[in-house]
Amino acid sequence: MNKAILAARVLLGAIFFVFGLNFWFGFLDVPPPPEGSASAFMGALYGSGFLTAVKVLEVAGGLALLVKRTALGLVLLGPVIINILFYDVFLSQTFNPVAVVSVVLALFLLIDERDRFLPLFGKGRA
């Protein structure tokens, strides 16, 4: 099980670290968003500078996972992952395999780190 946790942590960390850095360095081709609401939403995020803040969180969260700070990485990336999933489901209405893999990996790591998160819900150690 330790190897699976290590693989999940490194893969999720690498996904967000690499895609976050791609925002500034552009080493990967990113397809444009579909026309309509998805395009308008991405335009608003990009034009306002909000996307820059999200990318900083992606890089920081990915790096935290890569250096074995799993709980911190999940705290930083959790809201980003949920927003990516919601964007794909509600705005672009497309299947994004990277988003699905990210959700699965994050949930797997969250289950492994559950003892660190249970106090947020009034359970476990204080």
C-alpha atoms as a PDB file:
ATOM      1  CA  MET A   1       0.000   0.000   0.000  1.00  0.00           C
ATOM      2  CA  ASN A   2       2.892   2.386   0.675  1.00  0.00           C
ATOM      3  CA  LYS A   3       3.965   2.140  -2.974  1.00  0.00           C
ATOM      4  CA  ALA A   4       0.447   2.995  -4.146  1.00  0.00           C
ATOM      5  CA  ILE A   5       0.356   6.021  -1.839  1.00  0.00           C
ATOM      6  CA  LEU A   6       3.779   7.127  -3.050  1.00  0.00           C
ATOM      7  CA  ALA A   7       2.722   6.713  -6.687  1.00  0.00           C
ATOM      8  CA  ALA A   8      -0.528   8.636  -6.127  1.00  0.00           C
ATOM      9  CA  ARG A   9       1.253  11.448  -4.281  1.00  0.00           C
ATOM     10  CA  VAL A  10       3.985  11.825  -6.902  1.00  0.00           C
ATOM     11  CA  LEU A  11       1.589  11.578  -9.853  1.00  0.00           C
ATOM     12  CA  LEU A  12      -0.880  14.113  -8.446  1.00  0.00           C
ATOM     13  CA  GLY A  13       1.962  16.414  -7.410  1.00  0.00           C
ATOM     14  CA  ALA A  14       3.575  16.185 -10.841  1.00  0.00           C
ATOM     15  CA  ILE A  15       0.281  16.863 -12.636  1.00  0.00           C
ATOM     16  CA  PHE A  16      -0.313  20.114 -10.775  1.00  0.00           C
ATOM     17  CA  PHE A  17       3.315  21.190 -10.625  1.00  0.00           C
ATOM     18  CA  VAL A  18       3.809  20.726 -14.386  1.00  0.00           C
ATOM     19  CA  PHE A  19       0.454  22.143 -15.517  1.00  0.00           C
ATOM     20  CA  GLY A  20       0.832  25.045 -13.098  1.00  0.00           C
ATOM     21  CA  LEU A  21       4.270  25.931 -14.446  1.00  0.00           C
ATOM     22  CA  ASN A  22       2.971  25.582 -17.994  1.00  0.00           C
ATOM     23  CA  PHE A  23       0.882  28.699 -17.372  1.00  0.00           C
ATOM     24  CA  TRP A  24       4.056  30.817 -17.297  1.00  0.00           C
ATOM     25  CA  PHE A  25       6.425  28.870 -19.520  1.00  0.00           C
ATOM     26  CA  GLY A  26       4.051  27.452 -22.140  1.00  0.00           C
ATOM     27  CA  PHE A  27       5.931  24.218 -22.850  1.00  0.00           C
ATOM     28  CA  LEU A  28       2.690  22.239 -23.433  1.00  0.00           C
ATOM     29  CA  ASP A  29      -0.006  23.037 -25.965  1.00  0.00           C
ATOM     30  CA  VAL A  30      -3.320  23.756 -24.265  1.00  0.00           C
ATOM     31  CA  PRO A  31      -6.453  23.577 -26.412  1.00  0.00           C
ATOM     32  CA  PRO A  32      -8.750  26.607 -26.263  1.00  0.00           C
ATOM     33  CA  PRO A  33     -11.917  26.231 -24.188  1.00  0.00           C
ATOM     34  CA  PRO A  34     -15.126  25.418 -26.036  1.00  0.00           C
ATOM     35  CA  GLU A  35     -17.145  28.416 -27.201  1.00  0.00           C
ATOM     36  CA  GLY A  36     -19.846  29.836 -24.968  1.00  0.00           C
ATOM     37  CA  SER A  37     -19.923  29.891 -21.190  1.00  0.00           C
ATOM     38  CA  ALA A  38     -16.667  27.973 -20.773  1.00  0.00           C
ATOM     39  CA  SER A  39     -14.763  30.420 -22.965  1.00  0.00           C
ATOM     40  CA  ALA A  40     -16.291  33.447 -21.235  1.00  0.00           C
ATOM     41  CA  PHE A  41     -15.452  32.002 -17.821  1.00  0.00           C
ATOM     42  CA  MET A  42     -11.829  31.319 -18.744  1.00  0.00           C
ATOM     43  CA  GLY A  43     -11.558  34.780 -20.286  1.00  0.00           C
ATOM     44  CA  ALA A  44     -12.785  36.345 -17.059  1.00  0.00           C
ATOM     45  CA  LEU A  45     -10.353  34.280 -14.968  1.00  0.00           C
ATOM     46  CA  TYR A  46      -7.416  35.108 -17.199  1.00  0.00           C
ATOM     47  CA  GLY A  47      -8.257  38.782 -17.686  1.00  0.00           C
ATOM     48  CA  SER A  48      -8.764  39.456 -13.979  1.00  0.00           C
ATOM     49  CA  GLY A  49      -5.537  37.836 -12.804  1.00  0.00           C
ATOM     50  CA  PHE A  50      -7.502  35.270 -10.799  1.00  0.00           C
ATOM     51  CA  LEU A  51      -6.044  32.446 -12.896  1.00  0.00           C
ATOM     52  CA  THR A  52      -2.548  33.521 -11.860  1.00  0.00           C
ATOM     53  CA  ALA A  53      -3.492  33.001  -8.207  1.00  0.00           C
ATOM     54  CA  VAL A  54      -4.949  29.582  -9.023  1.00  0.00           C
ATOM     55  CA  LYS A  55      -1.752  28.596 -10.833  1.00  0.00           C
ATOM     56  CA  VAL A  56       0.338  29.675  -7.840  1.00  0.00           C
ATOM     57  CA  LEU A  57      -1.794  27.360  -5.672  1.00  0.00           C
ATOM     58  CA  GLU A  58      -1.366  24.549  -8.216  1.00  0.00           C
ATOM     59  CA  VAL A  59       2.424  24.885  -8.225  1.00  0.00           C
ATOM     60  CA  ALA A  60       2.611  25.205  -4.420  1.00  0.00           C
ATOM     61  CA  GLY A  61       0.231  22.286  -3.848  1.00  0.00           C
ATOM     62  CA  GLY A  62       1.990  20.103  -6.400  1.00  0.00           C
ATOM     63  CA  LEU A  63       5.360  20.906  -4.870  1.00  0.00           C
ATOM     64  CA  ALA A  64       4.019  20.147  -1.374  1.00  0.00           C
ATOM     65  CA  LEU A  65       2.926  16.706  -2.559  1.00  0.00           C
ATOM     66  CA  LEU A  66       6.260  16.081  -4.251  1.00  0.00           C
ATOM     67  CA  VAL A  67       8.175  16.877  -1.047  1.00  0.00           C
ATOM     68  CA  LYS A  68       5.899  14.653   1.074  1.00  0.00           C
ATOM     69  CA  ARG A  69       3.762  17.374   2.659  1.00  0.00           C
ATOM     70  CA  THR A  70       0.604  15.515   1.651  1.00  0.00           C
ATOM     71  CA  ALA A  71      -1.923  17.176   3.954  1.00  0.00           C
ATOM     72  CA  LEU A  72      -0.753  20.666   2.974  1.00  0.00           C
ATOM     73  CA  GLY A  73      -0.824  19.721  -0.709  1.00  0.00           C
ATOM     74  CA  LEU A  74      -4.375  18.408  -0.406  1.00  0.00           C
ATOM     75  CA  VAL A  75      -5.527  21.539   1.418  1.00  0.00           C
ATOM     76  CA  LEU A  76      -4.092  23.747  -1.347  1.00  0.00           C
ATOM     77  CA  LEU A  77      -5.267  21.569  -4.247  1.00  0.00           C
ATOM     78  CA  GLY A  78      -8.671  20.432  -2.968  1.00  0.00           C
ATOM     79  CA  PRO A  79     -10.591  23.560  -3.970  1.00  0.00           C
ATOM     80  CA  VAL A  80      -8.727  23.736  -7.279  1.00  0.00           C
ATOM     81  CA  ILE A  81      -9.602  20.116  -8.105  1.00  0.00           C
ATOM     82  CA  ILE A  82     -13.277  20.659  -7.256  1.00  0.00           C
ATOM     83  CA  ASN A  83     -13.396  23.780  -9.440  1.00  0.00           C
ATOM     84  CA  ILE A  84     -11.757  21.972 -12.355  1.00  0.00           C
ATOM     85  CA  LEU A  85     -14.311  19.183 -12.042  1.00  0.00           C
ATOM     86  CA  PHE A  86     -17.215  21.657 -11.847  1.00  0.00           C
ATOM     87  CA  TYR A  87     -15.871  23.582 -14.852  1.00  0.00           C
ATOM     88  CA  ASP A  88     -15.742  20.366 -16.888  1.00  0.00           C
ATOM     89  CA  VAL A  89     -19.196  19.190 -15.809  1.00  0.00           C
ATOM     90  CA  PHE A  90     -21.157  22.447 -15.862  1.00  0.00           C
ATOM     91  CA  LEU A  91     -19.406  24.779 -18.318  1.00  0.00           C
ATOM     92  CA  SER A  92     -17.400  22.889 -20.913  1.00  0.00           C
ATOM     93  CA  GLN A  93     -19.531  19.735 -20.618  1.00  0.00           C
ATOM     94  CA  THR A  94     -16.631  17.608 -21.788  1.00  0.00           C
ATOM     95  CA  PHE A  95     -14.875  14.583 -20.365  1.00  0.00           C
ATOM     96  CA  ASN A  96     -11.475  15.534 -18.983  1.00  0.00           C
ATOM     97  CA  PRO A  97      -9.530  12.376 -18.063  1.00  0.00           C
ATOM     98  CA  VAL A  98      -6.845  14.354 -16.210  1.00  0.00           C
ATOM     99  CA  ALA A  99      -9.522  15.894 -13.962  1.00  0.00           C
ATOM    100  CA  VAL A 100     -11.032  12.492 -13.224  1.00  0.00           C
ATOM    101  CA  VAL A 101      -7.602  11.015 -12.436  1.00  0.00           C
ATOM    102  CA  SER A 102      -6.869  14.012 -10.200  1.00  0.00           C
ATOM    103  CA  VAL A 103     -10.114  13.509  -8.262  1.00  0.00           C
ATOM    104  CA  VAL A 104      -9.440   9.797  -7.791  1.00  0.00           C
ATOM    105  CA  LEU A 105      -5.840  10.354  -6.684  1.00  0.00           C
ATOM    106  CA  ALA A 106      -6.830  13.155  -4.301  1.00  0.00           C
ATOM    107  CA  LEU A 107      -9.576  11.033  -2.731  1.00  0.00           C
ATOM    108  CA  PHE A 108      -7.148   8.128  -2.356  1.00  0.00           C
ATOM    109  CA  LEU A 109      -4.633  10.375  -0.601  1.00  0.00           C
ATOM    110  CA  LEU A 110      -7.364  11.995   1.493  1.00  0.00           C
ATOM    111  CA  ILE A 111      -8.452   8.568   2.751  1.00  0.00           C
ATOM    112  CA  ASP A 112      -4.843   7.783   3.639  1.00  0.00           C
ATOM    113  CA  GLU A 113      -4.498  11.117   5.486  1.00  0.00           C
ATOM    114  CA  ARG A 114      -7.973  10.993   7.065  1.00  0.00           C
ATOM    115  CA  ASP A 115      -6.609  11.075  10.627  1.00  0.00           C
ATOM    116  CA  ARG A 116      -5.201  14.531   9.936  1.00  0.00           C
ATOM    117  CA  PHE A 117      -8.532  15.824   8.591  1.00  0.00           C
ATOM    118  CA  LEU A 118     -11.013  14.237  11.022  1.00  0.00           C
ATOM    119  CA  PRO A 119     -10.530  16.969  13.667  1.00  0.00           C
ATOM    120  CA  LEU A 120     -12.058  19.418  11.180  1.00  0.00           C
ATOM    121  CA  PHE A 121     -15.311  17.501  11.582  1.00  0.00           C
ATOM    122  CA  GLY A 122     -15.090  17.193  15.374  1.00  0.00           C
ATOM    123  CA  LYS A 123     -13.852  13.608  15.244  1.00  0.00           C
ATOM    124  CA  GLY A 124     -10.554  11.975  15.976  1.00  0.00           C
ATOM    125  CA  ARG A 125      -7.717  13.481  17.920  1.00  0.00           C
ATOM    126  CA  ALA A 126      -7.865  17.129  18.833  1.00  0.00           C
END
